[in-house]
N, C-alpha and C. Protein backbone atom coordinates (compact mmCIF):
# COMPACT_ATOMS: atom_id res chain seq x y z
N MET A 1 -27.06 17.73 12.07
CA MET A 1 -27.68 18.05 13.34
C MET A 1 -28.73 19.14 13.10
N LEU A 2 -29.90 18.98 13.67
CA LEU A 2 -30.93 19.99 13.55
C LEU A 2 -30.62 21.13 14.50
N VAL A 3 -30.78 22.34 14.00
CA VAL A 3 -30.56 23.51 14.84
C VAL A 3 -31.77 24.42 14.73
N GLY A 4 -32.00 25.23 15.73
CA GLY A 4 -33.14 26.13 15.72
C GLY A 4 -34.17 25.69 16.74
N ASN A 5 -35.27 26.41 16.82
CA ASN A 5 -36.26 26.10 17.84
C ASN A 5 -37.66 25.95 17.27
N GLY A 6 -37.81 25.43 16.11
CA GLY A 6 -39.15 25.25 15.54
C GLY A 6 -39.19 25.87 14.17
N VAL A 7 -39.82 27.02 14.05
CA VAL A 7 -39.91 27.66 12.75
C VAL A 7 -38.51 27.95 12.25
N GLY A 8 -38.19 27.41 11.10
CA GLY A 8 -36.88 27.67 10.50
C GLY A 8 -35.77 26.83 11.06
N ALA A 9 -36.07 25.78 11.84
CA ALA A 9 -34.99 24.92 12.31
C ALA A 9 -34.30 24.33 11.10
N SER A 10 -32.99 24.23 11.14
CA SER A 10 -32.28 23.73 9.97
C SER A 10 -31.31 22.63 10.35
N CYS A 11 -30.75 21.98 9.35
CA CYS A 11 -29.87 20.84 9.55
C CYS A 11 -28.51 21.13 8.93
N ALA A 12 -27.48 20.88 9.69
CA ALA A 12 -26.13 21.05 9.17
C ALA A 12 -25.80 19.89 8.26
N LYS A 13 -24.67 19.95 7.58
CA LYS A 13 -24.26 18.89 6.65
C LYS A 13 -23.96 17.60 7.42
N PRO A 14 -24.09 16.42 6.73
CA PRO A 14 -23.86 15.14 7.40
C PRO A 14 -22.45 15.03 7.98
N THR A 15 -22.33 14.31 9.09
CA THR A 15 -21.03 14.07 9.71
C THR A 15 -20.58 12.66 9.42
N THR A 16 -19.29 12.39 9.50
CA THR A 16 -18.79 11.06 9.22
C THR A 16 -19.21 10.07 10.29
N ALA A 17 -19.46 10.52 11.51
CA ALA A 17 -19.88 9.62 12.59
C ALA A 17 -21.23 8.99 12.29
N ALA A 18 -22.02 9.62 11.47
CA ALA A 18 -23.36 9.11 11.19
C ALA A 18 -23.45 8.40 9.85
N CYS A 19 -22.33 8.10 9.23
CA CYS A 19 -22.33 7.56 7.87
C CYS A 19 -23.09 6.25 7.71
N ALA A 20 -23.01 5.37 8.67
CA ALA A 20 -23.65 4.05 8.53
C ALA A 20 -25.15 4.19 8.35
N VAL A 21 -25.79 4.89 9.26
CA VAL A 21 -27.24 5.03 9.16
C VAL A 21 -27.61 5.99 8.04
N LEU A 22 -26.81 7.02 7.83
CA LEU A 22 -27.05 7.95 6.74
C LEU A 22 -27.00 7.20 5.41
N ALA A 23 -26.03 6.32 5.26
CA ALA A 23 -25.95 5.53 4.04
C ALA A 23 -27.20 4.68 3.87
N LEU A 24 -27.69 4.13 4.97
CA LEU A 24 -28.92 3.33 4.93
C LEU A 24 -30.07 4.17 4.40
N LEU A 25 -30.28 5.35 4.98
CA LEU A 25 -31.38 6.21 4.54
C LEU A 25 -31.13 6.74 3.13
N ALA A 26 -29.91 7.10 2.83
CA ALA A 26 -29.60 7.65 1.52
C ALA A 26 -29.83 6.62 0.42
N ALA A 27 -29.40 5.39 0.65
CA ALA A 27 -29.59 4.34 -0.33
C ALA A 27 -31.07 4.08 -0.56
N CYS A 28 -31.84 4.25 0.48
CA CYS A 28 -33.27 4.00 0.37
C CYS A 28 -33.97 5.02 -0.49
N GLY A 29 -33.43 6.19 -0.63
CA GLY A 29 -34.10 7.24 -1.38
C GLY A 29 -33.52 7.41 -2.78
N GLY A 30 -32.89 6.38 -3.30
CA GLY A 30 -32.19 6.39 -4.56
C GLY A 30 -32.94 7.00 -5.73
N PRO A 31 -32.55 6.63 -6.94
CA PRO A 31 -33.06 7.30 -8.12
C PRO A 31 -34.54 7.06 -8.41
N GLN A 32 -35.11 5.99 -7.86
CA GLN A 32 -36.52 5.78 -8.12
C GLN A 32 -37.33 6.86 -7.43
N ARG A 33 -38.20 7.50 -8.18
CA ARG A 33 -38.97 8.61 -7.64
C ARG A 33 -40.43 8.30 -7.88
N GLU A 34 -41.05 7.62 -6.92
CA GLU A 34 -42.44 7.29 -7.07
C GLU A 34 -43.26 8.57 -7.16
N ARG A 35 -44.28 8.53 -7.94
CA ARG A 35 -45.15 9.70 -8.07
C ARG A 35 -46.26 9.58 -7.05
N SER A 36 -46.34 10.54 -6.16
CA SER A 36 -47.37 10.50 -5.14
C SER A 36 -48.71 10.92 -5.74
N THR A 37 -49.78 10.45 -5.13
CA THR A 37 -51.11 10.80 -5.57
C THR A 37 -51.34 12.29 -5.38
N ARG A 38 -51.82 12.96 -6.40
CA ARG A 38 -52.08 14.40 -6.30
C ARG A 38 -53.25 14.65 -5.35
N VAL A 39 -53.05 15.57 -4.46
CA VAL A 39 -54.08 15.90 -3.46
C VAL A 39 -54.36 17.39 -3.50
N SER A 40 -55.06 17.89 -2.50
CA SER A 40 -55.50 19.28 -2.49
C SER A 40 -54.33 20.27 -2.47
N SER A 41 -54.67 21.54 -2.71
CA SER A 41 -53.68 22.61 -2.75
C SER A 41 -52.93 22.73 -1.43
N TRP A 42 -51.63 22.91 -1.52
CA TRP A 42 -50.79 23.01 -0.32
C TRP A 42 -51.20 24.17 0.57
N SER A 43 -51.63 25.27 -0.02
CA SER A 43 -51.92 26.47 0.77
C SER A 43 -53.11 26.29 1.71
N ALA A 44 -53.96 25.30 1.47
CA ALA A 44 -55.09 25.03 2.35
C ALA A 44 -54.64 24.41 3.68
N HIS A 45 -53.39 23.96 3.76
CA HIS A 45 -52.92 23.21 4.91
C HIS A 45 -51.93 23.97 5.79
N VAL A 46 -51.47 25.14 5.34
CA VAL A 46 -50.45 25.85 6.10
C VAL A 46 -50.74 27.34 6.18
N TYR A 47 -50.19 27.95 7.23
CA TYR A 47 -50.06 29.39 7.28
C TYR A 47 -48.69 29.65 6.68
N GLU A 48 -48.57 30.66 5.85
CA GLU A 48 -47.26 30.90 5.23
C GLU A 48 -47.00 32.37 5.07
N ARG A 49 -45.70 32.65 5.07
CA ARG A 49 -45.23 34.01 4.81
C ARG A 49 -44.19 33.91 3.71
N GLY A 50 -44.61 33.99 2.47
CA GLY A 50 -43.64 34.04 1.39
C GLY A 50 -43.64 32.86 0.44
N GLY A 51 -44.42 31.85 0.65
CA GLY A 51 -44.50 30.75 -0.30
C GLY A 51 -43.59 29.58 0.03
N LEU A 52 -43.22 28.85 -1.01
CA LEU A 52 -42.47 27.60 -0.84
C LEU A 52 -41.07 27.66 -1.41
N HIS A 53 -40.56 28.84 -1.68
CA HIS A 53 -39.26 28.93 -2.33
C HIS A 53 -38.18 29.39 -1.37
N GLY A 54 -37.02 28.75 -1.46
CA GLY A 54 -35.86 29.15 -0.67
C GLY A 54 -36.13 29.20 0.82
N ASP A 55 -35.68 30.27 1.44
CA ASP A 55 -35.82 30.42 2.88
C ASP A 55 -37.26 30.68 3.32
N ALA A 56 -38.17 30.90 2.38
CA ALA A 56 -39.57 31.12 2.73
C ALA A 56 -40.18 29.89 3.41
N LEU A 57 -39.59 28.71 3.22
CA LEU A 57 -40.07 27.51 3.92
C LEU A 57 -40.02 27.70 5.43
N ALA A 58 -39.10 28.54 5.90
CA ALA A 58 -38.99 28.80 7.33
C ALA A 58 -40.24 29.48 7.87
N GLY A 59 -41.05 30.07 7.01
CA GLY A 59 -42.26 30.75 7.44
C GLY A 59 -43.51 29.88 7.41
N LEU A 60 -43.37 28.60 7.05
CA LEU A 60 -44.53 27.71 7.01
C LEU A 60 -44.88 27.22 8.41
N MET A 61 -46.18 27.03 8.63
CA MET A 61 -46.68 26.40 9.85
C MET A 61 -47.98 25.70 9.49
N LEU A 62 -48.11 24.43 9.89
CA LEU A 62 -49.34 23.70 9.60
C LEU A 62 -50.52 24.36 10.28
N ARG A 63 -51.64 24.40 9.60
CA ARG A 63 -52.86 24.94 10.19
C ARG A 63 -53.34 24.02 11.30
N HIS A 64 -53.98 24.59 12.29
CA HIS A 64 -54.49 23.85 13.44
C HIS A 64 -55.41 22.70 13.00
N GLU A 65 -56.20 22.93 11.96
CA GLU A 65 -57.16 21.94 11.50
C GLU A 65 -56.50 20.66 10.99
N VAL A 66 -55.26 20.74 10.52
CA VAL A 66 -54.59 19.56 9.96
C VAL A 66 -54.51 18.44 10.98
N CYS A 67 -54.17 18.76 12.21
CA CYS A 67 -53.99 17.74 13.25
C CYS A 67 -55.06 17.79 14.34
N GLN A 68 -56.13 18.49 14.06
CA GLN A 68 -57.20 18.59 15.06
C GLN A 68 -57.71 17.19 15.42
N GLY A 69 -57.79 16.92 16.72
CA GLY A 69 -58.26 15.63 17.21
C GLY A 69 -57.19 14.56 17.31
N GLU A 70 -55.97 14.85 16.85
CA GLU A 70 -54.87 13.88 16.92
C GLU A 70 -54.08 14.08 18.21
N ASP A 71 -53.55 13.01 18.75
CA ASP A 71 -52.72 13.08 19.95
C ASP A 71 -51.31 13.51 19.52
N LEU A 72 -50.92 14.71 19.87
CA LEU A 72 -49.63 15.26 19.47
C LEU A 72 -48.58 15.19 20.57
N ARG A 73 -48.89 14.50 21.67
CA ARG A 73 -47.91 14.39 22.75
C ARG A 73 -46.71 13.57 22.30
N PRO A 74 -45.51 14.01 22.66
CA PRO A 74 -44.30 13.27 22.28
C PRO A 74 -44.30 11.85 22.85
N TYR A 75 -43.78 10.92 22.06
CA TYR A 75 -43.66 9.53 22.49
C TYR A 75 -42.19 9.14 22.33
N TYR A 76 -41.61 8.56 23.37
CA TYR A 76 -40.18 8.23 23.33
C TYR A 76 -39.89 6.74 23.49
N GLY A 77 -40.91 5.90 23.54
CA GLY A 77 -40.68 4.46 23.64
C GLY A 77 -40.16 3.91 22.32
N ALA A 78 -39.66 2.68 22.36
CA ALA A 78 -39.15 2.04 21.14
C ALA A 78 -40.31 1.66 20.23
N LEU A 79 -40.17 1.97 18.95
CA LEU A 79 -41.19 1.69 17.95
C LEU A 79 -40.59 0.88 16.80
N ASP A 80 -41.46 0.27 16.02
CA ASP A 80 -41.07 -0.30 14.74
C ASP A 80 -42.12 0.12 13.72
N GLU A 81 -42.02 -0.39 12.50
CA GLU A 81 -42.93 0.06 11.45
C GLU A 81 -44.39 -0.22 11.74
N ALA A 82 -44.69 -1.16 12.64
CA ALA A 82 -46.08 -1.49 12.98
C ALA A 82 -46.82 -0.28 13.56
N ASP A 83 -46.12 0.59 14.30
CA ASP A 83 -46.76 1.78 14.84
C ASP A 83 -47.21 2.72 13.72
N LEU A 84 -46.37 2.93 12.74
CA LEU A 84 -46.73 3.76 11.60
C LEU A 84 -47.89 3.13 10.83
N ILE A 85 -47.84 1.84 10.64
CA ILE A 85 -48.91 1.14 9.90
C ILE A 85 -50.24 1.28 10.62
N ARG A 86 -50.26 1.09 11.93
CA ARG A 86 -51.51 1.26 12.69
C ARG A 86 -52.06 2.68 12.53
N PHE A 87 -51.18 3.67 12.59
CA PHE A 87 -51.62 5.05 12.42
C PHE A 87 -52.25 5.24 11.04
N LEU A 88 -51.58 4.77 10.00
CA LEU A 88 -52.11 4.94 8.64
C LEU A 88 -53.44 4.21 8.46
N GLU A 89 -53.55 3.03 9.03
CA GLU A 89 -54.80 2.28 8.93
C GLU A 89 -55.93 3.01 9.64
N ARG A 90 -55.64 3.69 10.76
CA ARG A 90 -56.66 4.50 11.43
C ARG A 90 -57.11 5.66 10.55
N GLN A 91 -56.25 6.09 9.64
CA GLN A 91 -56.60 7.15 8.69
C GLN A 91 -57.32 6.58 7.47
N ARG A 92 -57.58 5.28 7.49
CA ARG A 92 -58.23 4.56 6.38
C ARG A 92 -57.37 4.55 5.12
N ILE A 93 -56.07 4.41 5.32
CA ILE A 93 -55.12 4.32 4.22
C ILE A 93 -54.63 2.88 4.17
N GLU A 94 -54.81 2.24 3.02
CA GLU A 94 -54.33 0.87 2.85
C GLU A 94 -52.83 0.90 2.59
N VAL A 95 -52.13 -0.06 3.20
CA VAL A 95 -50.68 -0.12 3.05
C VAL A 95 -50.23 -1.54 2.75
N SER A 96 -49.07 -1.63 2.16
CA SER A 96 -48.37 -2.91 2.04
C SER A 96 -46.97 -2.70 2.61
N VAL A 97 -46.38 -3.78 3.11
CA VAL A 97 -45.11 -3.67 3.82
C VAL A 97 -44.12 -4.70 3.29
N GLU A 98 -42.88 -4.26 3.12
CA GLU A 98 -41.75 -5.15 2.86
C GLU A 98 -40.74 -4.87 3.96
N ARG A 99 -40.13 -5.93 4.49
CA ARG A 99 -39.11 -5.71 5.53
C ARG A 99 -37.86 -6.52 5.17
N PRO A 100 -36.96 -5.92 4.38
CA PRO A 100 -35.77 -6.65 3.95
C PRO A 100 -34.74 -6.89 5.05
N ARG A 101 -34.77 -6.07 6.10
CA ARG A 101 -33.83 -6.21 7.21
C ARG A 101 -34.54 -5.86 8.50
N ALA A 102 -33.93 -6.23 9.61
CA ALA A 102 -34.52 -5.95 10.92
C ALA A 102 -34.62 -4.45 11.20
N ASP A 103 -33.74 -3.64 10.59
CA ASP A 103 -33.73 -2.21 10.87
C ASP A 103 -34.29 -1.36 9.73
N LEU A 104 -34.97 -2.00 8.76
CA LEU A 104 -35.48 -1.27 7.60
C LEU A 104 -36.77 -1.91 7.09
N ALA A 105 -37.76 -1.06 6.81
CA ALA A 105 -39.01 -1.52 6.19
C ALA A 105 -39.41 -0.52 5.12
N TYR A 106 -40.12 -1.00 4.12
CA TYR A 106 -40.73 -0.14 3.11
C TYR A 106 -42.24 -0.24 3.30
N VAL A 107 -42.89 0.90 3.47
CA VAL A 107 -44.34 0.94 3.65
C VAL A 107 -44.89 1.71 2.45
N THR A 108 -45.72 1.04 1.65
CA THR A 108 -46.30 1.65 0.46
C THR A 108 -47.77 1.93 0.71
N LEU A 109 -48.16 3.18 0.51
CA LEU A 109 -49.55 3.59 0.69
C LEU A 109 -50.28 3.45 -0.63
N SER A 110 -51.46 2.86 -0.60
CA SER A 110 -52.27 2.73 -1.81
C SER A 110 -52.95 4.06 -2.10
N ASP A 111 -53.11 4.36 -3.39
CA ASP A 111 -53.84 5.58 -3.73
C ASP A 111 -55.35 5.31 -3.68
N SER A 112 -56.16 6.29 -4.03
CA SER A 112 -57.61 6.16 -3.91
C SER A 112 -58.20 5.06 -4.78
N SER A 113 -57.48 4.66 -5.82
CA SER A 113 -57.97 3.57 -6.67
C SER A 113 -57.45 2.21 -6.21
N GLY A 114 -56.69 2.20 -5.12
CA GLY A 114 -56.16 0.94 -4.60
C GLY A 114 -54.81 0.55 -5.18
N ARG A 115 -54.28 1.34 -6.11
CA ARG A 115 -52.97 1.05 -6.70
C ARG A 115 -51.86 1.52 -5.78
N PRO A 116 -50.69 0.87 -5.84
CA PRO A 116 -49.57 1.35 -5.01
C PRO A 116 -49.23 2.79 -5.35
N GLY A 117 -48.96 3.57 -4.33
CA GLY A 117 -48.63 4.97 -4.53
C GLY A 117 -47.36 5.35 -3.79
N LEU A 118 -47.50 6.17 -2.78
CA LEU A 118 -46.38 6.71 -2.01
C LEU A 118 -45.62 5.60 -1.29
N ARG A 119 -44.30 5.53 -1.51
CA ARG A 119 -43.46 4.52 -0.87
C ARG A 119 -42.56 5.18 0.15
N LEU A 120 -42.68 4.76 1.40
CA LEU A 120 -41.91 5.33 2.51
C LEU A 120 -40.84 4.34 2.95
N ARG A 121 -39.66 4.87 3.29
CA ARG A 121 -38.56 4.05 3.81
C ARG A 121 -38.51 4.28 5.31
N VAL A 122 -38.70 3.24 6.08
CA VAL A 122 -38.77 3.35 7.53
C VAL A 122 -37.51 2.73 8.14
N ALA A 123 -36.66 3.57 8.69
CA ALA A 123 -35.44 3.10 9.36
C ALA A 123 -35.71 3.04 10.86
N ILE A 124 -35.36 1.91 11.45
CA ILE A 124 -35.56 1.68 12.89
C ILE A 124 -34.21 1.89 13.56
N LEU A 125 -34.11 2.96 14.35
CA LEU A 125 -32.85 3.36 14.95
C LEU A 125 -32.87 3.16 16.46
N PRO A 126 -31.72 3.25 17.12
CA PRO A 126 -31.66 3.00 18.56
C PRO A 126 -32.36 4.04 19.44
N SER A 127 -32.46 5.30 18.98
CA SER A 127 -33.04 6.33 19.85
C SER A 127 -33.74 7.42 19.04
N ALA A 128 -34.54 8.21 19.74
CA ALA A 128 -35.24 9.35 19.12
C ALA A 128 -34.24 10.38 18.59
N ASP A 129 -33.20 10.66 19.35
CA ASP A 129 -32.20 11.63 18.89
C ASP A 129 -31.57 11.19 17.58
N GLU A 130 -31.20 9.91 17.51
CA GLU A 130 -30.57 9.40 16.29
C GLU A 130 -31.53 9.45 15.11
N ALA A 131 -32.80 9.15 15.35
CA ALA A 131 -33.78 9.18 14.26
C ALA A 131 -33.91 10.59 13.69
N GLY A 132 -34.00 11.60 14.56
CA GLY A 132 -34.11 12.98 14.08
C GLY A 132 -32.88 13.45 13.34
N ILE A 133 -31.71 13.14 13.89
CA ILE A 133 -30.45 13.55 13.26
C ILE A 133 -30.27 12.86 11.92
N GLU A 134 -30.44 11.56 11.89
CA GLU A 134 -30.22 10.80 10.65
C GLU A 134 -31.21 11.19 9.56
N LEU A 135 -32.47 11.42 9.94
CA LEU A 135 -33.44 11.84 8.94
C LEU A 135 -33.07 13.21 8.38
N GLY A 136 -32.70 14.15 9.25
CA GLY A 136 -32.30 15.47 8.79
C GLY A 136 -31.11 15.42 7.84
N GLU A 137 -30.15 14.57 8.15
CA GLU A 137 -28.97 14.46 7.30
C GLU A 137 -29.30 13.81 5.96
N ALA A 138 -30.14 12.79 5.97
CA ALA A 138 -30.53 12.14 4.71
C ALA A 138 -31.31 13.11 3.83
N ILE A 139 -32.20 13.88 4.42
CA ILE A 139 -32.98 14.87 3.67
C ILE A 139 -32.05 15.93 3.08
N ALA A 140 -31.09 16.40 3.86
CA ALA A 140 -30.14 17.40 3.37
C ALA A 140 -29.35 16.85 2.19
N GLN A 141 -28.98 15.60 2.25
CA GLN A 141 -28.21 14.99 1.18
C GLN A 141 -29.01 14.91 -0.12
N HIS A 142 -30.29 14.63 -0.02
CA HIS A 142 -31.13 14.49 -1.22
C HIS A 142 -31.59 15.82 -1.80
N GLY A 143 -31.57 16.88 -1.02
CA GLY A 143 -31.86 18.21 -1.54
C GLY A 143 -33.33 18.57 -1.62
N ARG A 144 -33.59 19.70 -2.28
CA ARG A 144 -34.92 20.30 -2.36
C ARG A 144 -35.98 19.26 -2.74
N GLY A 145 -37.07 19.27 -1.98
CA GLY A 145 -38.18 18.36 -2.23
C GLY A 145 -38.05 17.04 -1.50
N SER A 146 -36.92 16.83 -0.83
CA SER A 146 -36.76 15.64 -0.01
C SER A 146 -37.43 15.91 1.33
N TRP A 147 -38.05 14.89 1.90
CA TRP A 147 -38.83 15.10 3.12
C TRP A 147 -38.94 13.80 3.90
N GLY A 148 -39.43 13.96 5.12
CA GLY A 148 -39.69 12.80 5.95
C GLY A 148 -40.32 13.22 7.26
N VAL A 149 -40.61 12.23 8.07
CA VAL A 149 -41.11 12.46 9.42
C VAL A 149 -40.36 11.51 10.35
N HIS A 150 -40.22 11.92 11.60
CA HIS A 150 -39.64 11.00 12.57
C HIS A 150 -40.45 11.04 13.84
N ARG A 151 -40.55 9.87 14.46
CA ARG A 151 -41.25 9.72 15.73
C ARG A 151 -40.45 8.73 16.56
N SER A 152 -40.08 9.16 17.73
CA SER A 152 -39.26 8.34 18.61
C SER A 152 -38.06 7.84 17.82
N ASN A 153 -37.87 6.52 17.77
CA ASN A 153 -36.70 5.95 17.11
C ASN A 153 -36.91 5.61 15.63
N LEU A 154 -38.01 6.05 15.03
CA LEU A 154 -38.27 5.77 13.61
C LEU A 154 -37.98 7.01 12.76
N ALA A 155 -37.27 6.80 11.66
CA ALA A 155 -37.02 7.84 10.67
C ALA A 155 -37.68 7.39 9.37
N VAL A 156 -38.64 8.15 8.89
CA VAL A 156 -39.43 7.79 7.71
C VAL A 156 -39.09 8.76 6.59
N LEU A 157 -38.44 8.26 5.56
CA LEU A 157 -38.01 9.07 4.43
C LEU A 157 -38.99 8.88 3.28
N GLY A 158 -39.54 10.00 2.78
CA GLY A 158 -40.45 9.95 1.64
C GLY A 158 -39.70 10.20 0.35
N PRO A 159 -40.37 9.98 -0.80
CA PRO A 159 -39.73 10.23 -2.09
C PRO A 159 -39.63 11.73 -2.37
N VAL A 160 -38.60 12.13 -3.07
CA VAL A 160 -38.44 13.53 -3.47
C VAL A 160 -39.62 13.89 -4.35
N ASP A 161 -40.18 15.07 -4.10
CA ASP A 161 -41.35 15.52 -4.87
C ASP A 161 -41.39 17.04 -4.86
N ASP A 162 -42.32 17.60 -5.57
CA ASP A 162 -42.59 19.02 -5.55
C ASP A 162 -42.93 19.43 -4.11
N VAL A 163 -42.37 20.53 -3.63
CA VAL A 163 -42.55 20.93 -2.24
C VAL A 163 -44.03 21.13 -1.89
N GLY A 164 -44.79 21.74 -2.77
CA GLY A 164 -46.22 21.92 -2.53
C GLY A 164 -46.95 20.59 -2.41
N GLN A 165 -46.58 19.64 -3.26
CA GLN A 165 -47.19 18.32 -3.19
C GLN A 165 -46.83 17.62 -1.88
N VAL A 166 -45.60 17.79 -1.43
CA VAL A 166 -45.19 17.18 -0.16
C VAL A 166 -46.04 17.74 0.99
N VAL A 167 -46.19 19.06 1.03
CA VAL A 167 -46.99 19.69 2.10
C VAL A 167 -48.41 19.12 2.08
N SER A 168 -49.01 19.03 0.90
CA SER A 168 -50.36 18.47 0.79
C SER A 168 -50.41 17.02 1.24
N THR A 169 -49.42 16.23 0.84
CA THR A 169 -49.39 14.81 1.18
C THR A 169 -49.31 14.59 2.68
N VAL A 170 -48.40 15.30 3.37
CA VAL A 170 -48.26 15.09 4.81
C VAL A 170 -49.46 15.59 5.58
N ALA A 171 -50.18 16.56 5.02
CA ALA A 171 -51.39 17.06 5.67
C ALA A 171 -52.56 16.10 5.46
N VAL A 172 -52.78 15.67 4.24
CA VAL A 172 -53.92 14.80 3.93
C VAL A 172 -53.76 13.42 4.58
N THR A 173 -52.55 12.87 4.56
CA THR A 173 -52.32 11.56 5.19
C THR A 173 -52.16 11.68 6.70
N LYS A 174 -52.00 12.92 7.19
CA LYS A 174 -51.76 13.23 8.60
C LYS A 174 -50.41 12.71 9.10
N LEU A 175 -49.49 12.43 8.18
CA LEU A 175 -48.15 12.02 8.60
C LEU A 175 -47.49 13.10 9.46
N ALA A 176 -47.81 14.36 9.22
CA ALA A 176 -47.25 15.45 10.02
C ALA A 176 -47.83 15.45 11.44
N CYS A 177 -48.89 14.72 11.66
CA CYS A 177 -49.49 14.60 13.01
C CYS A 177 -48.92 13.39 13.73
N TRP A 178 -48.32 12.47 13.00
CA TRP A 178 -47.73 11.26 13.58
C TRP A 178 -46.27 11.48 13.93
N GLY A 179 -45.54 12.23 13.08
CA GLY A 179 -44.11 12.43 13.29
C GLY A 179 -43.70 13.86 12.98
N VAL A 180 -42.52 14.24 13.41
CA VAL A 180 -41.97 15.57 13.17
C VAL A 180 -41.71 15.72 11.67
N PHE A 181 -42.39 16.67 11.04
CA PHE A 181 -42.31 16.89 9.59
C PHE A 181 -41.08 17.74 9.27
N THR A 182 -40.22 17.20 8.42
CA THR A 182 -38.96 17.84 8.04
C THR A 182 -38.85 17.85 6.53
N ILE A 183 -38.43 18.97 5.95
CA ILE A 183 -38.36 19.08 4.49
C ILE A 183 -37.14 19.91 4.09
N ALA A 184 -36.58 19.59 2.92
CA ALA A 184 -35.41 20.32 2.42
C ALA A 184 -35.85 21.48 1.54
N GLY A 185 -35.22 22.62 1.80
CA GLY A 185 -35.36 23.76 0.90
C GLY A 185 -34.19 23.75 -0.05
N VAL A 186 -33.77 24.90 -0.50
CA VAL A 186 -32.65 24.99 -1.44
C VAL A 186 -31.33 24.64 -0.75
N SER A 187 -31.08 25.23 0.43
CA SER A 187 -29.80 25.00 1.09
C SER A 187 -29.93 24.60 2.56
N GLU A 188 -31.13 24.51 3.06
CA GLU A 188 -31.36 24.17 4.47
C GLU A 188 -32.45 23.11 4.58
N VAL A 189 -32.50 22.48 5.75
CA VAL A 189 -33.56 21.53 6.07
C VAL A 189 -34.40 22.16 7.17
N TYR A 190 -35.71 22.15 7.00
CA TYR A 190 -36.61 22.83 7.93
C TYR A 190 -37.55 21.85 8.62
N VAL A 191 -37.73 22.06 9.92
CA VAL A 191 -38.77 21.38 10.66
C VAL A 191 -39.98 22.30 10.62
N ILE A 192 -41.10 21.77 10.08
CA ILE A 192 -42.30 22.59 9.92
C ILE A 192 -43.18 22.40 11.15
N PRO A 193 -43.43 23.46 11.91
CA PRO A 193 -44.22 23.34 13.15
C PRO A 193 -45.72 23.27 12.87
N GLY A 194 -46.46 22.93 13.92
CA GLY A 194 -47.91 22.89 13.85
C GLY A 194 -48.47 21.50 13.99
N GLY A 195 -47.63 20.49 13.83
CA GLY A 195 -48.06 19.10 13.97
C GLY A 195 -47.37 18.46 15.16
N TYR A 196 -47.07 17.17 15.04
CA TYR A 196 -46.38 16.43 16.09
C TYR A 196 -44.99 17.04 16.28
N ARG A 197 -44.53 17.04 17.52
CA ARG A 197 -43.17 17.50 17.78
C ARG A 197 -42.59 16.77 18.98
N GLU A 198 -41.28 16.71 19.00
CA GLU A 198 -40.55 16.14 20.13
C GLU A 198 -39.62 17.21 20.65
N LEU A 199 -39.46 17.25 21.95
CA LEU A 199 -38.61 18.27 22.56
C LEU A 199 -37.23 17.72 22.83
């Protein structure tokens, strides 16, 4: 469960009641660790107090410029992976999609050379609350460098990566403007403010 009110919001350990969906998200983030395309320095995208180590993640906030011009109003209607795909295509990011089940899709973003790059696991859940909770629990389970975004009933889990690279990736792709950006530190999961948010 996510706790806190924005900066430094954290996630408690997974509960047994959420095991089914947690297992779905956890299995999706298995040992394969795709290497994301290297992008600009993380510090250009956030205001920070203390860097990217340990509890200092609680001091991060996306810069206003990251989501400037994006609609950040909360959306609570039912979504599927097509909403994420439309958003990415508006950002001029080429994607490919696999949908092995009705409640799961893999969306792969092409890098600048057109080769497959960042692979996202998109879980389609019954509600916005469940998407936020399940994503937070899956991220906590995978540990430092695990991250994702959620919007309405979609939980999007990214591959584990260097924390600075994750911050750069969500800023450059504007994923933090599409969904609530959540990342694991050493012992907590943090919601990073400044982009899209749901109340």
